């Protein structure tokens, strides 16, 4: 499974939330079973981050999504816009 896209903050307060919680979120995600790569990078716009995720299987991606939803990152960033595209691996 591959997820690509952007995390788009409305204002500096949302951007500060992302910046505060992102290091732990990256570390926890990269340690997950089935995570092949996970990159979140700032752009020239201080309110936008690019996101690229690659998981070995649909189950690994689903487990990641469940963990994120229940995490501090998930709770703190729930209202921040995400513009993502998810692609499944060809069979």
PDB file of N, CA and C in Angstrom:
ATOM      1  N   UNK A   1       0.846  -1.173   0.000  1.00  0.00           N
ATOM      2  CA  UNK A   1       0.000   0.000   0.000  1.00  0.00           C
ATOM      3  C   UNK A   1       0.889   1.233   0.000  1.00  0.00           C
ATOM      4  N   UNK A   2       0.509   2.189  -0.823  1.00  0.00           N
ATOM      5  CA  UNK A   2       1.217   3.470  -0.864  1.00  0.00           C
ATOM      6  C   UNK A   2       0.222   4.599  -0.640  1.00  0.00           C
ATOM      7  N   UNK A   3       0.618   5.518   0.216  1.00  0.00           N
ATOM      8  CA  UNK A   3      -0.157   6.728   0.455  1.00  0.00           C
ATOM      9  C   UNK A   3       0.756   7.898   0.131  1.00  0.00           C
ATOM     10  N   UNK A   4       0.251   8.829  -0.673  1.00  0.00           N
ATOM     11  CA  UNK A   4       0.999  10.043  -0.976  1.00  0.00           C
ATOM     12  C   UNK A   4       0.044  11.222  -0.878  1.00  0.00           C
ATOM     13  N   UNK A   5       0.590  12.374  -0.548  1.00  0.00           N
ATOM     14  CA  UNK A   5      -0.242  13.558  -0.499  1.00  0.00           C
ATOM     15  C   UNK A   5       0.320  14.620   0.399  1.00  0.00           C
ATOM     16  N   UNK A   6      -0.589  15.420   0.937  1.00  0.00           N
ATOM     17  CA  UNK A   6      -0.196  16.554   1.754  1.00  0.00           C
ATOM     18  C   UNK A   6      -1.040  16.675   3.008  1.00  0.00           C
ATOM     19  N   UNK A   7      -0.409  17.174   4.036  1.00  0.00           N
ATOM     20  CA  UNK A   7      -1.052  17.580   5.281  1.00  0.00           C
ATOM     21  C   UNK A   7      -1.087  19.105   5.210  1.00  0.00           C
ATOM     22  N   UNK A   8      -2.293  19.696   5.266  1.00  0.00           N
ATOM     23  CA  UNK A   8      -2.446  21.131   5.011  1.00  0.00           C
ATOM     24  C   UNK A   8      -3.067  21.816   6.224  1.00  0.00           C
ATOM     25  N   UNK A   9      -2.280  22.649   6.886  1.00  0.00           N
ATOM     26  CA  UNK A   9      -2.750  23.382   8.058  1.00  0.00           C
ATOM     27  C   UNK A   9      -3.451  24.670   7.630  1.00  0.00           C
ATOM     28  N   UNK A  10      -4.418  25.098   8.439  1.00  0.00           N
ATOM     29  CA  UNK A  10      -5.142  26.348   8.153  1.00  0.00           C
ATOM     30  C   UNK A  10      -4.398  27.566   8.666  1.00  0.00           C
ATOM     31  N   UNK A  11      -3.546  27.356   9.690  1.00  0.00           N
ATOM     32  CA  UNK A  11      -2.909  28.504  10.331  1.00  0.00           C
ATOM     33  C   UNK A  11      -1.664  28.041  11.095  1.00  0.00           C
ATOM     34  N   UNK A  12      -0.968  29.022  11.666  1.00  0.00           N
ATOM     35  CA  UNK A  12       0.272  28.723  12.396  1.00  0.00           C
ATOM     36  C   UNK A  12       0.023  27.859  13.625  1.00  0.00           C
ATOM     37  N   UNK A  13      -1.134  27.974  14.249  1.00  0.00           N
ATOM     38  CA  UNK A  13      -1.435  27.153  15.432  1.00  0.00           C
ATOM     39  C   UNK A  13      -1.497  25.675  15.054  1.00  0.00           C
ATOM     40  N   UNK A  14      -2.158  25.356  13.937  1.00  0.00           N
ATOM     41  CA  UNK A  14      -2.192  23.963  13.489  1.00  0.00           C
ATOM     42  C   UNK A  14      -0.796  23.483  13.104  1.00  0.00           C
ATOM     43  N   UNK A  15      -0.027  24.339  12.446  1.00  0.00           N
ATOM     44  CA  UNK A  15       1.341  23.972  12.061  1.00  0.00           C
ATOM     45  C   UNK A  15       2.184  23.664  13.299  1.00  0.00           C
ATOM     46  N   UNK A  16       1.976  24.414  14.365  1.00  0.00           N
ATOM     47  CA  UNK A  16       2.713  24.172  15.609  1.00  0.00           C
ATOM     48  C   UNK A  16       2.336  22.823  16.211  1.00  0.00           C
ATOM     49  N   UNK A  17       1.078  22.434  16.099  1.00  0.00           N
ATOM     50  CA  UNK A  17       0.638  21.120  16.585  1.00  0.00           C
ATOM     51  C   UNK A  17       1.354  20.016  15.811  1.00  0.00           C
ATOM     52  N   UNK A  18       1.385  20.152  14.488  1.00  0.00           N
ATOM     53  CA  UNK A  18       2.080  19.162  13.661  1.00  0.00           C
ATOM     54  C   UNK A  18       3.545  19.078  14.072  1.00  0.00           C
ATOM     55  N   UNK A  19       4.207  20.210  14.149  1.00  0.00           N
ATOM     56  CA  UNK A  19       5.633  20.227  14.485  1.00  0.00           C
ATOM     57  C   UNK A  19       5.900  19.598  15.846  1.00  0.00           C
ATOM     58  N   UNK A  20       5.020  19.816  16.806  1.00  0.00           N
ATOM     59  CA  UNK A  20       5.215  19.284  18.155  1.00  0.00           C
ATOM     60  C   UNK A  20       5.067  17.769  18.215  1.00  0.00           C
ATOM     61  N   UNK A  21       4.158  17.219  17.435  1.00  0.00           N
ATOM     62  CA  UNK A  21       3.849  15.794  17.528  1.00  0.00           C
ATOM     63  C   UNK A  21       4.503  14.943  16.441  1.00  0.00           C
ATOM     64  N   UNK A  22       5.028  15.573  15.403  1.00  0.00           N
ATOM     65  CA  UNK A  22       5.537  14.821  14.261  1.00  0.00           C
ATOM     66  C   UNK A  22       6.720  13.903  14.578  1.00  0.00           C
ATOM     67  N   UNK A  23       7.727  14.328  15.328  1.00  0.00           N
ATOM     68  CA  UNK A  23       8.861  13.415  15.570  1.00  0.00           C
ATOM     69  C   UNK A  23       8.450  12.071  16.178  1.00  0.00           C
ATOM     70  N   UNK A  24       7.590  12.098  17.174  1.00  0.00           N
ATOM     71  CA  UNK A  24       7.147  10.836  17.781  1.00  0.00           C
ATOM     72  C   UNK A  24       6.326  10.015  16.793  1.00  0.00           C
ATOM     73  N   UNK A  25       5.455  10.683  16.042  1.00  0.00           N
ATOM     74  CA  UNK A  25       4.621   9.986  15.053  1.00  0.00           C
ATOM     75  C   UNK A  25       5.498   9.276  14.016  1.00  0.00           C
ATOM     76  N   UNK A  26       6.526   9.957  13.536  1.00  0.00           N
ATOM     77  CA  UNK A  26       7.428   9.348  12.557  1.00  0.00           C
ATOM     78  C   UNK A  26       8.135   8.143  13.167  1.00  0.00           C
ATOM     79  N   UNK A  27       8.667   8.290  14.367  1.00  0.00           N
ATOM     80  CA  UNK A  27       9.374   7.192  15.015  1.00  0.00           C
ATOM     81  C   UNK A  27       8.495   5.977  15.244  1.00  0.00           C
ATOM     82  N   UNK A  28       7.288   6.195  15.740  1.00  0.00           N
ATOM     83  CA  UNK A  28       6.368   5.079  15.992  1.00  0.00           C
ATOM     84  C   UNK A  28       5.962   4.394  14.695  1.00  0.00           C
ATOM     85  N   UNK A  29       5.709   5.179  13.657  1.00  0.00           N
ATOM     86  CA  UNK A  29       5.280   4.599  12.390  1.00  0.00           C
ATOM     87  C   UNK A  29       6.388   3.782  11.754  1.00  0.00           C
ATOM     88  N   UNK A  30       7.593   4.321  11.728  1.00  0.00           N
ATOM     89  CA  UNK A  30       8.712   3.585  11.124  1.00  0.00           C
ATOM     90  C   UNK A  30       9.011   2.277  11.853  1.00  0.00           C
ATOM     91  N   UNK A  31       8.636   2.183  13.116  1.00  0.00           N
ATOM     92  CA  UNK A  31       8.862   0.966  13.903  1.00  0.00           C
ATOM     93  C   UNK A  31       7.755  -0.073  13.714  1.00  0.00           C
ATOM     94  N   UNK A  32       6.686   0.281  13.036  1.00  0.00           N
ATOM     95  CA  UNK A  32       5.564  -0.645  12.856  1.00  0.00           C
ATOM     96  C   UNK A  32       5.940  -1.798  11.932  1.00  0.00           C
ATOM     97  N   UNK A  33       5.391  -2.974  12.256  1.00  0.00           N
ATOM     98  CA  UNK A  33       5.556  -4.140  11.397  1.00  0.00           C
ATOM     99  C   UNK A  33       4.940  -3.829  10.034  1.00  0.00           C
ATOM    100  N   UNK A  34       5.693  -4.042   8.976  1.00  0.00           N
ATOM    101  CA  UNK A  34       5.176  -3.845   7.629  1.00  0.00           C
ATOM    102  C   UNK A  34       5.404  -2.467   7.053  1.00  0.00           C
ATOM    103  N   UNK A  35       5.957  -1.547   7.833  1.00  0.00           N
ATOM    104  CA  UNK A  35       6.261  -0.218   7.307  1.00  0.00           C
ATOM    105  C   UNK A  35       7.557  -0.309   6.506  1.00  0.00           C
ATOM    106  N   UNK A  36       7.467  -0.058   5.214  1.00  0.00           N
ATOM    107  CA  UNK A  36       8.641  -0.098   4.356  1.00  0.00           C
ATOM    108  C   UNK A  36       9.317   1.268   4.274  1.00  0.00           C
ATOM    109  N   UNK A  37       8.511   2.321   4.306  1.00  0.00           N
ATOM    110  CA  UNK A  37       9.054   3.678   4.360  1.00  0.00           C
ATOM    111  C   UNK A  37       7.964   4.625   4.822  1.00  0.00           C
ATOM    112  N   UNK A  38       8.397   5.711   5.458  1.00  0.00           N
ATOM    113  CA  UNK A  38       7.463   6.716   5.956  1.00  0.00           C
ATOM    114  C   UNK A  38       8.203   8.040   6.003  1.00  0.00           C
ATOM    115  N   UNK A  39       7.776   8.981   5.176  1.00  0.00           N
ATOM    116  CA  UNK A  39       8.428  10.282   5.099  1.00  0.00           C
ATOM    117  C   UNK A  39       7.383  11.393   5.199  1.00  0.00           C
ATOM    118  N   UNK A  40       7.647  12.339   6.051  1.00  0.00           N
ATOM    119  CA  UNK A  40       6.845  13.555   6.147  1.00  0.00           C
ATOM    120  C   UNK A  40       7.841  14.701   6.084  1.00  0.00           C
ATOM    121  N   UNK A  41       7.666  15.590   5.099  1.00  0.00           N
ATOM    122  CA  UNK A  41       8.650  16.652   4.883  1.00  0.00           C
ATOM    123  C   UNK A  41       7.967  18.004   4.744  1.00  0.00           C
ATOM    124  N   UNK A  42       8.594  19.006   5.329  1.00  0.00           N
ATOM    125  CA  UNK A  42       8.118  20.376   5.185  1.00  0.00           C
ATOM    126  C   UNK A  42       8.285  20.813   3.735  1.00  0.00           C
ATOM    127  N   UNK A  43       7.434  21.717   3.308  1.00  0.00           N
ATOM    128  CA  UNK A  43       7.533  22.299   1.968  1.00  0.00           C
ATOM    129  C   UNK A  43       7.922  23.763   2.107  1.00  0.00           C
ATOM    130  N   UNK A  44       7.980  24.463   1.005  1.00  0.00           N
ATOM    131  CA  UNK A  44       8.259  25.905   1.042  1.00  0.00           C
ATOM    132  C   UNK A  44       7.149  26.674   1.746  1.00  0.00           C
ATOM    133  N   UNK A  45       5.964  26.094   1.778  1.00  0.00           N
ATOM    134  CA  UNK A  45       4.828  26.688   2.483  1.00  0.00           C
ATOM    135  C   UNK A  45       4.861  26.185   3.928  1.00  0.00           C
ATOM    136  N   UNK A  46       4.988  27.057   4.934  1.00  0.00           N
ATOM    137  CA  UNK A  46       5.107  26.595   6.325  1.00  0.00           C
ATOM    138  C   UNK A  46       3.853  25.922   6.871  1.00  0.00           C
ATOM    139  N   UNK A  47       2.784  25.907   6.093  1.00  0.00           N
ATOM    140  CA  UNK A  47       1.548  25.262   6.542  1.00  0.00           C
ATOM    141  C   UNK A  47       1.305  23.912   5.874  1.00  0.00           C
ATOM    142  N   UNK A  48       2.235  23.469   5.024  1.00  0.00           N
ATOM    143  CA  UNK A  48       2.025  22.248   4.237  1.00  0.00           C
ATOM    144  C   UNK A  48       3.210  21.302   4.397  1.00  0.00           C
ATOM    145  N   UNK A  49       2.902  20.013   4.583  1.00  0.00           N
ATOM    146  CA  UNK A  49       3.898  18.933   4.621  1.00  0.00           C
ATOM    147  C   UNK A  49       3.533  17.911   3.559  1.00  0.00           C
ATOM    148  N   UNK A  50       4.537  17.351   2.897  1.00  0.00           N
ATOM    149  CA  UNK A  50       4.286  16.221   2.006  1.00  0.00           C
ATOM    150  C   UNK A  50       4.365  14.942   2.829  1.00  0.00           C
ATOM    151  N   UNK A  51       3.562  13.973   2.441  1.00  0.00           N
ATOM    152  CA  UNK A  51       3.492  12.703   3.160  1.00  0.00           C
ATOM    153  C   UNK A  51       3.622  11.573   2.149  1.00  0.00           C
ATOM    154  N   UNK A  52       4.509  10.626   2.443  1.00  0.00           N
ATOM    155  CA  UNK A  52       4.663   9.421   1.630  1.00  0.00           C
ATOM    156  C   UNK A  52       4.804   8.228   2.557  1.00  0.00           C
ATOM    157  N   UNK A  53       3.901   7.276   2.400  1.00  0.00           N
ATOM    158  CA  UNK A  53       3.901   6.068   3.218  1.00  0.00           C
ATOM    159  C   UNK A  53       3.925   4.860   2.296  1.00  0.00           C
ATOM    160  N   UNK A  54       4.655   3.825   2.696  1.00  0.00           N
ATOM    161  CA  UNK A  54       4.679   2.585   1.932  1.00  0.00           C
ATOM    162  C   UNK A  54       4.650   1.430   2.928  1.00  0.00           C
ATOM    163  N   UNK A  55       3.605   0.628   2.844  1.00  0.00           N
ATOM    164  CA  UNK A  55       3.437  -0.529   3.716  1.00  0.00           C
ATOM    165  C   UNK A  55       3.421  -1.802   2.890  1.00  0.00           C
ATOM    166  N   UNK A  56       3.944  -2.877   3.450  1.00  0.00           N
ATOM    167  CA  UNK A  56       4.109  -4.136   2.739  1.00  0.00           C
ATOM    168  C   UNK A  56       2.782  -4.771   2.337  1.00  0.00           C
ATOM    169  N   UNK A  57       1.771  -4.633   3.191  1.00  0.00           N
ATOM    170  CA  UNK A  57       0.486  -5.294   2.931  1.00  0.00           C
ATOM    171  C   UNK A  57      -0.673  -4.378   3.322  1.00  0.00           C
ATOM    172  N   UNK A  58      -1.842  -4.727   2.847  1.00  0.00           N
ATOM    173  CA  UNK A  58      -3.049  -3.993   3.241  1.00  0.00           C
ATOM    174  C   UNK A  58      -3.292  -4.134   4.742  1.00  0.00           C
ATOM    175  N   UNK A  59      -3.003  -5.304   5.302  1.00  0.00           N
ATOM    176  CA  UNK A  59      -3.182  -5.508   6.741  1.00  0.00           C
ATOM    177  C   UNK A  59      -2.251  -4.611   7.551  1.00  0.00           C
ATOM    178  N   UNK A  60      -1.003  -4.477   7.104  1.00  0.00           N
ATOM    179  CA  UNK A  60      -0.054  -3.603   7.804  1.00  0.00           C
ATOM    180  C   UNK A  60      -0.520  -2.154   7.735  1.00  0.00           C
ATOM    181  N   UNK A  61      -1.031  -1.746   6.585  1.00  0.00           N
ATOM    182  CA  UNK A  61      -1.533  -0.380   6.435  1.00  0.00           C
ATOM    183  C   UNK A  61      -2.764  -0.166   7.327  1.00  0.00           C
ATOM    184  N   UNK A  62      -3.659  -1.142   7.370  1.00  0.00           N
ATOM    185  CA  UNK A  62      -4.854  -1.040   8.221  1.00  0.00           C
ATOM    186  C   UNK A  62      -4.466  -0.954   9.695  1.00  0.00           C
ATOM    187  N   UNK A  63      -3.466  -1.727  10.104  1.00  0.00           N
ATOM    188  CA  UNK A  63      -2.997  -1.677  11.496  1.00  0.00           C
ATOM    189  C   UNK A  63      -2.402  -0.295  11.793  1.00  0.00           C
ATOM    190  N   UNK A  64      -1.678   0.255  10.846  1.00  0.00           N
ATOM    191  CA  UNK A  64      -1.130   1.603  11.010  1.00  0.00           C
ATOM    192  C   UNK A  64      -2.256   2.613  11.188  1.00  0.00           C
ATOM    193  N   UNK A  65      -3.246   2.560  10.334  1.00  0.00           N
ATOM    194  CA  UNK A  65      -4.359   3.504  10.415  1.00  0.00           C
ATOM    195  C   UNK A  65      -5.081   3.392  11.759  1.00  0.00           C
ATOM    196  N   UNK A  66      -5.260   2.183  12.249  1.00  0.00           N
ATOM    197  CA  UNK A  66      -5.916   1.986  13.553  1.00  0.00           C
ATOM    198  C   UNK A  66      -5.068   2.557  14.683  1.00  0.00           C
ATOM    199  N   UNK A  67      -3.752   2.320  14.635  1.00  0.00           N
ATOM    200  CA  UNK A  67      -2.875   2.848  15.674  1.00  0.00           C
ATOM    201  C   UNK A  67      -2.886   4.372  15.665  1.00  0.00           C
ATOM    202  N   UNK A  68      -2.806   4.944  14.474  1.00  0.00           N
ATOM    203  CA  UNK A  68      -2.789   6.400  14.349  1.00  0.00           C
ATOM    204  C   UNK A  68      -4.073   7.007  14.904  1.00  0.00           C
ATOM    205  N   UNK A  69      -5.211   6.422  14.594  1.00  0.00           N
ATOM    206  CA  UNK A  69      -6.490   6.963  15.049  1.00  0.00           C
ATOM    207  C   UNK A  69      -6.569   7.029  16.572  1.00  0.00           C
ATOM    208  N   UNK A  70      -5.922   6.079  17.247  1.00  0.00           N
ATOM    209  CA  UNK A  70      -5.973   6.015  18.706  1.00  0.00           C
ATOM    210  C   UNK A  70      -4.790   6.720  19.379  1.00  0.00           C
ATOM    211  N   UNK A  71      -3.916   7.335  18.586  1.00  0.00           N
ATOM    212  CA  UNK A  71      -2.694   7.919  19.140  1.00  0.00           C
ATOM    213  C   UNK A  71      -2.853   9.397  19.484  1.00  0.00           C
ATOM    214  N   UNK A  72      -1.875   9.913  20.203  1.00  0.00           N
ATOM    215  CA  UNK A  72      -1.842  11.351  20.501  1.00  0.00           C
ATOM    216  C   UNK A  72      -1.789  12.157  19.206  1.00  0.00           C
ATOM    217  N   UNK A  73      -0.988  11.700  18.241  1.00  0.00           N
ATOM    218  CA  UNK A  73      -0.933  12.350  16.927  1.00  0.00           C
ATOM    219  C   UNK A  73      -2.328  12.402  16.306  1.00  0.00           C
ATOM    220  N   UNK A  74      -3.001  11.276  16.293  1.00  0.00           N
ATOM    221  CA  UNK A  74      -4.331  11.204  15.688  1.00  0.00           C
ATOM    222  C   UNK A  74      -5.314  12.144  16.351  1.00  0.00           C
ATOM    223  N   UNK A  75      -5.302  12.168  17.678  1.00  0.00           N
ATOM    224  CA  UNK A  75      -6.229  13.051  18.402  1.00  0.00           C
ATOM    225  C   UNK A  75      -5.873  14.522  18.180  1.00  0.00           C
ATOM    226  N   UNK A  76      -4.594  14.842  18.218  1.00  0.00           N
ATOM    227  CA  UNK A  76      -4.157  16.238  18.132  1.00  0.00           C
ATOM    228  C   UNK A  76      -4.311  16.831  16.735  1.00  0.00           C
ATOM    229  N   UNK A  77      -4.206  15.993  15.715  1.00  0.00           N
ATOM    230  CA  UNK A  77      -4.255  16.496  14.338  1.00  0.00           C
ATOM    231  C   UNK A  77      -5.545  16.134  13.607  1.00  0.00           C
ATOM    232  N   UNK A  78      -6.526  15.640  14.323  1.00  0.00           N
ATOM    233  CA  UNK A  78      -7.757  15.154  13.687  1.00  0.00           C
ATOM    234  C   UNK A  78      -8.429  16.199  12.808  1.00  0.00           C
ATOM    235  N   UNK A  79      -8.371  17.469  13.185  1.00  0.00           N
ATOM    236  CA  UNK A  79      -9.049  18.505  12.415  1.00  0.00           C
ATOM    237  C   UNK A  79      -8.234  19.100  11.292  1.00  0.00           C
ATOM    238  N   UNK A  80      -7.007  18.619  11.097  1.00  0.00           N
ATOM    239  CA  UNK A  80      -6.137  19.169  10.057  1.00  0.00           C
ATOM    240  C   UNK A  80      -6.402  18.448   8.741  1.00  0.00           C
ATOM    241  N   UNK A  81      -6.500  19.235   7.680  1.00  0.00           N
ATOM    242  CA  UNK A  81      -6.842  18.695   6.363  1.00  0.00           C
ATOM    243  C   UNK A  81      -5.746  17.773   5.835  1.00  0.00           C
ATOM    244  N   UNK A  82      -6.190  16.671   5.268  1.00  0.00           N
ATOM    245  CA  UNK A  82      -5.302  15.728   4.600  1.00  0.00           C
ATOM    246  C   UNK A  82      -5.788  15.559   3.172  1.00  0.00           C
ATOM    247  N   UNK A  83      -4.870  15.677   2.234  1.00  0.00           N
ATOM    248  CA  UNK A  83      -5.172  15.467   0.819  1.00  0.00           C
ATOM    249  C   UNK A  83      -4.325  14.294   0.362  1.00  0.00           C
ATOM    250  N   UNK A  84      -4.873  13.087   0.512  1.00  0.00           N
ATOM    251  CA  UNK A  84      -4.112  11.869   0.286  1.00  0.00           C
ATOM    252  C   UNK A  84      -4.684  11.065  -0.868  1.00  0.00           C
ATOM    253  N   UNK A  85      -3.794  10.327  -1.507  1.00  0.00           N
ATOM    254  CA  UNK A  85      -4.176   9.311  -2.489  1.00  0.00           C
ATOM    255  C   UNK A  85      -3.599   7.994  -1.997  1.00  0.00           C
ATOM    256  N   UNK A  86      -4.421   6.962  -1.968  1.00  0.00           N
ATOM    257  CA  UNK A  86      -3.984   5.643  -1.507  1.00  0.00           C
ATOM    258  C   UNK A  86      -4.040   4.685  -2.698  1.00  0.00           C
ATOM    259  N   UNK A  87      -2.922   3.997  -2.929  1.00  0.00           N
ATOM    260  CA  UNK A  87      -2.854   3.023  -4.028  1.00  0.00           C
ATOM    261  C   UNK A  87      -2.498   1.654  -3.468  1.00  0.00           C
ATOM    262  N   UNK A  88      -3.209   0.674  -3.923  1.00  0.00           N
ATOM    263  CA  UNK A  88      -2.904  -0.709  -3.536  1.00  0.00           C
ATOM    264  C   UNK A  88      -1.835  -1.259  -4.480  1.00  0.00           C
ATOM    265  N   UNK A  89      -1.053  -2.196  -3.967  1.00  0.00           N
ATOM    266  CA  UNK A  89      -0.060  -2.875  -4.809  1.00  0.00           C
ATOM    267  C   UNK A  89      -0.803  -3.710  -5.846  1.00  0.00           C
ATOM    268  N   UNK A  90      -0.295  -3.782  -7.047  1.00  0.00           N
ATOM    269  CA  UNK A  90      -0.913  -4.682  -8.039  1.00  0.00           C
ATOM    270  C   UNK A  90      -0.773  -6.131  -7.595  1.00  0.00           C
ATOM    271  N   UNK A  91      -1.740  -6.916  -7.906  1.00  0.00           N
ATOM    272  CA  UNK A  91      -1.720  -8.336  -7.498  1.00  0.00           C
ATOM    273  C   UNK A  91      -1.104  -9.189  -8.574  1.00  0.00           C
TER     274      UNK A  91
END
